[in-house]
Protein backbone atom coordinates (compact mmCIF):
# COMPACT_ATOMS: atom_id res chain seq x y z
CA MET A 1 0.00 0.00 0.00
CA ILE A 2 1.24 3.53 -0.89
CA PRO A 3 1.79 5.89 2.09
CA GLY A 4 -0.83 8.65 2.42
CA GLN A 5 -3.54 6.48 0.96
CA ASN A 6 -5.51 5.78 4.08
CA PHE A 7 -7.11 8.13 6.58
CA ASN A 8 -4.59 7.64 9.41
CA ASP A 9 -1.63 8.46 7.17
CA ARG A 10 -3.27 11.69 6.04
CA LEU A 11 -4.10 12.65 9.65
CA LYS A 12 -0.52 11.97 10.66
CA GLU A 13 0.81 14.12 7.78
CA GLN A 14 -1.58 16.96 8.67
CA LYS A 15 -0.48 16.82 12.32
CA GLU A 16 3.19 16.90 11.33
CA ALA A 17 2.59 19.81 8.97
CA LYS A 18 0.76 21.73 11.69
CA LEU A 19 3.55 21.12 14.20
CA ALA A 20 6.15 22.23 11.65
CA MET A 21 4.14 25.38 10.97
CA LEU A 22 3.87 26.17 14.69
CA LYS A 23 7.59 25.60 15.09
CA ARG A 24 8.35 28.00 12.22
CA ALA A 25 5.96 30.59 13.71
CA LYS A 26 7.68 30.31 17.09
CA GLU A 27 11.06 30.80 15.43
CA LYS A 28 9.76 33.90 13.67
CA GLN A 29 8.53 35.44 16.92
CA LEU A 30 10.71 38.29 18.09
CA ASP A 31 12.31 38.28 21.49
CA PRO A 32 10.77 40.88 23.85
CA ALA A 33 13.80 43.21 23.74
CA GLU A 34 13.76 43.34 19.93
CA LYS A 35 10.00 43.84 19.94
CA ALA A 36 10.32 46.71 22.45
CA ARG A 37 13.06 48.34 20.35
CA ILE A 38 10.94 48.12 17.21
CA MET A 39 7.90 49.55 19.02
CA GLU A 40 10.03 52.42 20.36
CA GLU A 41 11.30 53.21 16.85
CA ARG A 42 7.75 53.12 15.55
CA ALA A 43 6.60 55.49 18.32
CA LYS A 44 9.44 57.91 17.47
CA ARG A 45 8.54 57.83 13.78
CA ASN A 46 4.86 58.41 14.58
CA ALA A 47 5.70 61.35 16.86
CA ALA A 48 7.92 62.90 14.19
CA ARG A 49 5.19 62.43 11.57
CA GLU A 50 2.62 64.01 13.87
CA ALA A 51 4.91 66.99 14.47
CA ARG A 52 5.44 67.44 10.72
CA ASP A 53 1.71 67.21 10.09
CA ALA A 54 0.99 69.79 12.80
CA GLU A 55 3.60 72.11 11.29
CA ARG A 56 2.05 71.70 7.85
CA ARG A 57 -1.41 72.44 9.24
CA GLU A 58 -0.11 75.62 10.91
CA GLU A 59 1.64 76.68 7.70
CA ARG A 60 -1.55 76.05 5.71
CA LYS A 61 -3.64 78.09 8.18
CA ARG A 62 -1.10 80.93 8.05
CA LYS A 63 -1.11 80.95 4.24
CA GLU A 64 -4.91 80.93 4.14
CA ALA A 65 -5.02 83.87 6.55
CA GLU A 66 -2.47 85.79 4.44
CA GLU A 67 -4.44 85.07 1.26
CA ALA A 68 -7.68 86.19 2.90
CA ALA A 69 -6.02 89.42 4.10
CA ALA A 70 -4.56 90.06 0.64
CA LYS A 71 -7.94 89.42 -0.97
CA ALA A 72 -9.67 91.79 1.47
CA GLU A 73 -7.04 94.47 0.79
CA GLU A 74 -7.47 94.02 -2.96
CA GLU A 75 -11.25 94.29 -2.62
CA ARG A 76 -10.86 97.46 -0.52
CA LYS A 77 -8.54 99.01 -3.12
CA LYS A 78 -10.98 98.06 -5.87
CA LEU A 79 -13.85 99.76 -4.02
CA LEU A 80 -11.71 102.86 -3.42
CA ALA A 81 -10.81 102.99 -7.13
CA ILE A 82 -14.48 102.71 -8.11
CA GLU A 83 -15.39 105.45 -5.63
CA ALA A 84 -12.58 107.70 -6.92
CA GLN A 85 -13.72 107.09 -10.51
CA LYS A 86 -17.29 108.08 -9.59
CA LYS A 87 -16.06 111.26 -7.90
CA ALA A 88 -13.88 112.11 -10.90
CA GLN A 89 -16.84 111.59 -13.24
CA GLU A 90 -19.05 113.82 -11.08
CA GLU A 91 -16.32 116.46 -10.98
CA LEU A 92 -15.95 116.28 -14.77
CA VAL A 93 -19.71 116.71 -15.25
CA ARG A 94 -19.68 119.66 -12.82
CA ALA A 95 -16.73 121.28 -14.63
CA GLN A 96 -18.40 120.78 -18.04
CA LYS A 97 -21.58 122.37 -16.74
CA ALA A 98 -19.64 125.27 -15.25
CA ARG A 99 -17.82 125.87 -18.58
CA ARG A 100 -21.09 125.73 -20.50
CA ASP A 101 -22.76 128.12 -18.07
CA ALA A 102 -19.75 130.46 -18.26
CA LYS A 103 -19.90 130.37 -22.06
CA TYR A 104 -23.60 131.25 -22.08
CA ALA A 105 -23.07 133.95 -19.48
CA ALA A 106 -20.25 135.46 -21.54
CA ARG A 107 -22.45 135.40 -24.66
CA LYS A 108 -25.30 136.99 -22.71
CA ASN A 109 -22.98 139.70 -21.36
CA LYS A 110 -21.73 140.47 -24.91
CA ARG A 111 -25.25 141.27 -26.07
CA ARG A 112 -25.78 143.85 -23.35
């Protein structure tokens, strides 16, 4: 009879395979000192990453505030320019009217 043909042989092979797997897993396990060192390194990396992320968030907030201030200043300048243009237009209309009135007054005075 060929080995592995009956039920008991297969059970025995499965048991041996399981034991071999457990043995390999135990060998792969890290000793506590190595595990602690790795965890400490991981904690340091995480802390450094968190610090970098916080710095980036602060930088982003600062840039957004600067952009908002610049935008508000630009809007204020735009409004001032529009207001100045309106005043200049009103002044121009007033000056044109004054010239026209002066012209008519001069013509009227010539007739007298």
